Amino acid sequence: MGERYYTAKFKTPEAAKQMVLSYLQIVDGLLPERPPKFGRYSQILRDQRAPSTDIIYYWQKALEWEHVITEYYKGVIGVAVFAKDGSVTQVEPPILRQVRESTNERRPKIEDWKSRNGL
């Protein structure tokens, strides 16, 4: 049973969030703009017999887990925050916001990498 099971069973997206952030950490290590880190990450992945050393593999996995979180919060418009002046603001759930910000921060780098590599 994987994290998807636990996300659904225990009604918490925390494990899925950690999966997204872990995959994005690998993506950061594989970005060619950091050559020393790239070589180290590639070697570590090979030594650990990881399923891939391809940056797109890990990017797709991060997006899959982001989707698990999005589905978890499907239909949730956010948390109502009441100000002293009586106004109400909807705040996106923190885990969803963190995951979206993390993937969106890397999206331009991945798109650039794809275009430079003919993908």
C-alpha atoms as a PDB file:
ATOM      1  CA  MET A   1       0.000   0.000   0.000  1.00  0.00           C
ATOM      2  CA  GLY A   2       1.386   3.341  -1.062  1.00  0.00           C
ATOM      3  CA  GLU A   3       1.007   6.925  -0.007  1.00  0.00           C
ATOM      4  CA  ARG A   4      -2.081   7.349  -2.186  1.00  0.00           C
ATOM      5  CA  TYR A   5      -3.799   4.737  -0.017  1.00  0.00           C
ATOM      6  CA  TYR A   6      -2.825   6.536   3.183  1.00  0.00           C
ATOM      7  CA  THR A   7      -3.850   9.923   1.793  1.00  0.00           C
ATOM      8  CA  ALA A   8      -7.341   8.543   1.179  1.00  0.00           C
ATOM      9  CA  LYS A   9      -7.637   6.306   4.253  1.00  0.00           C
ATOM     10  CA  PHE A  10      -6.455   8.779   6.862  1.00  0.00           C
ATOM     11  CA  LYS A  11      -7.803  11.848   5.091  1.00  0.00           C
ATOM     12  CA  THR A  12      -4.481  13.653   5.078  1.00  0.00           C
ATOM     13  CA  PRO A  13      -2.477  14.897   2.103  1.00  0.00           C
ATOM     14  CA  GLU A  14       0.756  15.139   4.128  1.00  0.00           C
ATOM     15  CA  ALA A  15       2.377  12.006   2.638  1.00  0.00           C
ATOM     16  CA  ALA A  16       1.498  13.154  -0.877  1.00  0.00           C
ATOM     17  CA  LYS A  17       3.000  16.583  -0.150  1.00  0.00           C
ATOM     18  CA  GLN A  18       6.242  14.945   0.968  1.00  0.00           C
ATOM     19  CA  MET A  19       6.310  12.895  -2.231  1.00  0.00           C
ATOM     20  CA  VAL A  20       5.938  16.039  -4.367  1.00  0.00           C
ATOM     21  CA  LEU A  21       8.670  17.855  -2.471  1.00  0.00           C
ATOM     22  CA  SER A  22      10.993  14.836  -2.599  1.00  0.00           C
ATOM     23  CA  TYR A  23      10.581  14.434  -6.347  1.00  0.00           C
ATOM     24  CA  LEU A  24      11.119  18.173  -6.846  1.00  0.00           C
ATOM     25  CA  GLN A  25      14.320  17.978  -4.824  1.00  0.00           C
ATOM     26  CA  ILE A  26      15.598  15.373  -7.284  1.00  0.00           C
ATOM     27  CA  VAL A  27      14.452  17.571 -10.184  1.00  0.00           C
ATOM     28  CA  ASP A  28      16.500  20.424  -8.714  1.00  0.00           C
ATOM     29  CA  GLY A  29      19.521  18.158  -8.497  1.00  0.00           C
ATOM     30  CA  LEU A  30      19.157  17.056 -12.111  1.00  0.00           C
ATOM     31  CA  LEU A  31      18.755  20.521 -13.593  1.00  0.00           C
ATOM     32  CA  PRO A  32      21.735  21.118 -15.894  1.00  0.00           C
ATOM     33  CA  GLU A  33      22.248  24.641 -14.540  1.00  0.00           C
ATOM     34  CA  ARG A  34      23.918  23.014 -11.548  1.00  0.00           C
ATOM     35  CA  PRO A  35      26.539  20.735 -13.157  1.00  0.00           C
ATOM     36  CA  PRO A  36      28.352  19.564  -9.980  1.00  0.00           C
ATOM     37  CA  LYS A  37      25.051  18.787  -8.292  1.00  0.00           C
ATOM     38  CA  PHE A  38      23.778  17.135 -11.480  1.00  0.00           C
ATOM     39  CA  GLY A  39      26.705  14.711 -11.578  1.00  0.00           C
ATOM     40  CA  ARG A  40      26.364  13.884  -7.903  1.00  0.00           C
ATOM     41  CA  TYR A  41      22.612  13.291  -8.133  1.00  0.00           C
ATOM     42  CA  SER A  42      22.941  11.182 -11.251  1.00  0.00           C
ATOM     43  CA  GLN A  43      25.566   9.002  -9.576  1.00  0.00           C
ATOM     44  CA  ILE A  44      23.548   8.660  -6.362  1.00  0.00           C
ATOM     45  CA  LEU A  45      20.483   7.654  -8.373  1.00  0.00           C
ATOM     46  CA  ARG A  46      22.514   5.059 -10.298  1.00  0.00           C
ATOM     47  CA  ASP A  47      24.116   3.744  -7.080  1.00  0.00           C
ATOM     48  CA  GLN A  48      20.714   3.381  -5.453  1.00  0.00           C
ATOM     49  CA  ARG A  49      19.334   1.663  -8.552  1.00  0.00           C
ATOM     50  CA  ALA A  50      16.678   4.345  -8.898  1.00  0.00           C
ATOM     51  CA  PRO A  51      14.144   3.730 -11.643  1.00  0.00           C
ATOM     52  CA  SER A  52      15.591   6.572 -13.712  1.00  0.00           C
ATOM     53  CA  THR A  53      18.130   9.373 -13.974  1.00  0.00           C
ATOM     54  CA  ASP A  54      15.855  11.286 -16.350  1.00  0.00           C
ATOM     55  CA  ILE A  55      14.658  14.641 -15.053  1.00  0.00           C
ATOM     56  CA  ILE A  56      11.307  14.296 -16.854  1.00  0.00           C
ATOM     57  CA  TYR A  57      10.582  11.031 -15.038  1.00  0.00           C
ATOM     58  CA  TYR A  58      10.853  12.793 -11.662  1.00  0.00           C
ATOM     59  CA  TRP A  59       8.980  15.874 -12.889  1.00  0.00           C
ATOM     60  CA  GLN A  60       6.080  13.677 -14.009  1.00  0.00           C
ATOM     61  CA  LYS A  61       6.070  11.855 -10.662  1.00  0.00           C
ATOM     62  CA  ALA A  62       5.907  15.206  -8.816  1.00  0.00           C
ATOM     63  CA  LEU A  63       2.974  16.245 -11.024  1.00  0.00           C
ATOM     64  CA  GLU A  64       1.195  12.931 -10.380  1.00  0.00           C
ATOM     65  CA  TRP A  65       1.455  13.473  -6.631  1.00  0.00           C
ATOM     66  CA  GLU A  66       0.381  17.093  -7.028  1.00  0.00           C
ATOM     67  CA  HIS A  67      -2.716  15.708  -8.744  1.00  0.00           C
ATOM     68  CA  VAL A  68      -3.377  13.433  -5.734  1.00  0.00           C
ATOM     69  CA  ILE A  69      -3.386  16.533  -3.517  1.00  0.00           C
ATOM     70  CA  THR A  70      -5.566  18.476  -5.954  1.00  0.00           C
ATOM     71  CA  GLU A  71      -8.059  15.607  -5.961  1.00  0.00           C
ATOM     72  CA  TYR A  72      -7.971  15.456  -2.170  1.00  0.00           C
ATOM     73  CA  TYR A  73      -8.989  19.115  -2.013  1.00  0.00           C
ATOM     74  CA  LYS A  74     -11.447  18.881  -4.921  1.00  0.00           C
ATOM     75  CA  GLY A  75     -14.480  20.959  -4.070  1.00  0.00           C
ATOM     76  CA  VAL A  76     -12.687  22.812  -1.285  1.00  0.00           C
ATOM     77  CA  ILE A  77     -12.608  26.502  -2.114  1.00  0.00           C
ATOM     78  CA  GLY A  78     -10.386  27.362   0.796  1.00  0.00           C
ATOM     79  CA  VAL A  79     -10.503  28.386   4.393  1.00  0.00           C
ATOM     80  CA  ALA A  80     -12.532  31.436   5.344  1.00  0.00           C
ATOM     81  CA  VAL A  81     -10.438  34.037   7.150  1.00  0.00           C
ATOM     82  CA  PHE A  82     -12.333  36.763   8.969  1.00  0.00           C
ATOM     83  CA  ALA A  83     -10.685  40.159   9.413  1.00  0.00           C
ATOM     84  CA  LYS A  84     -11.436  42.554  12.271  1.00  0.00           C
ATOM     85  CA  ASP A  85     -13.244  44.856   9.839  1.00  0.00           C
ATOM     86  CA  GLY A  86     -15.718  42.052   9.084  1.00  0.00           C
ATOM     87  CA  SER A  87     -14.370  41.179   5.647  1.00  0.00           C
ATOM     88  CA  VAL A  88     -13.900  37.561   4.675  1.00  0.00           C
ATOM     89  CA  THR A  89     -11.107  36.181   2.524  1.00  0.00           C
ATOM     90  CA  GLN A  90     -10.798  32.678   1.127  1.00  0.00           C
ATOM     91  CA  VAL A  91      -7.345  31.200   1.694  1.00  0.00           C
ATOM     92  CA  GLU A  92      -6.221  28.204  -0.317  1.00  0.00           C
ATOM     93  CA  PRO A  93      -5.392  25.194   1.898  1.00  0.00           C
ATOM     94  CA  PRO A  94      -1.708  25.572   2.901  1.00  0.00           C
ATOM     95  CA  ILE A  95      -0.561  22.174   1.628  1.00  0.00           C
ATOM     96  CA  LEU A  96      -2.198  22.729  -1.754  1.00  0.00           C
ATOM     97  CA  ARG A  97      -0.712  26.215  -1.983  1.00  0.00           C
ATOM     98  CA  GLN A  98       2.791  25.006  -1.040  1.00  0.00           C
ATOM     99  CA  VAL A  99       2.739  22.202  -3.596  1.00  0.00           C
ATOM    100  CA  ARG A 100       1.408  24.435  -6.382  1.00  0.00           C
ATOM    101  CA  GLU A 101       3.972  27.138  -5.629  1.00  0.00           C
ATOM    102  CA  SER A 102       6.776  24.567  -5.582  1.00  0.00           C
ATOM    103  CA  THR A 103       5.827  23.030  -8.927  1.00  0.00           C
ATOM    104  CA  ASN A 104       5.068  26.390 -10.543  1.00  0.00           C
ATOM    105  CA  GLU A 105       8.461  27.700  -9.446  1.00  0.00           C
ATOM    106  CA  ARG A 106      10.169  24.919 -11.386  1.00  0.00           C
ATOM    107  CA  ARG A 107       7.819  24.769 -14.376  1.00  0.00           C
ATOM    108  CA  PRO A 108       9.677  27.429 -16.465  1.00  0.00           C
ATOM    109  CA  LYS A 109      13.004  25.661 -15.876  1.00  0.00           C
ATOM    110  CA  ILE A 110      11.532  22.333 -16.964  1.00  0.00           C
ATOM    111  CA  GLU A 111       9.913  23.881 -20.050  1.00  0.00           C
ATOM    112  CA  ASP A 112      13.247  25.505 -20.931  1.00  0.00           C
ATOM    113  CA  TRP A 113      15.026  22.189 -20.442  1.00  0.00           C
ATOM    114  CA  LYS A 114      12.467  20.451 -22.676  1.00  0.00           C
ATOM    115  CA  SER A 115      12.821  23.017 -25.468  1.00  0.00           C
ATOM    116  CA  ARG A 116      16.643  22.804 -25.340  1.00  0.00           C
ATOM    117  CA  ASN A 117      16.426  19.020 -25.547  1.00  0.00           C
ATOM    118  CA  GLY A 118      13.843  18.830 -28.322  1.00  0.00           C
ATOM    119  CA  LEU A 119      11.005  17.531 -26.174  1.00  0.00           C
END
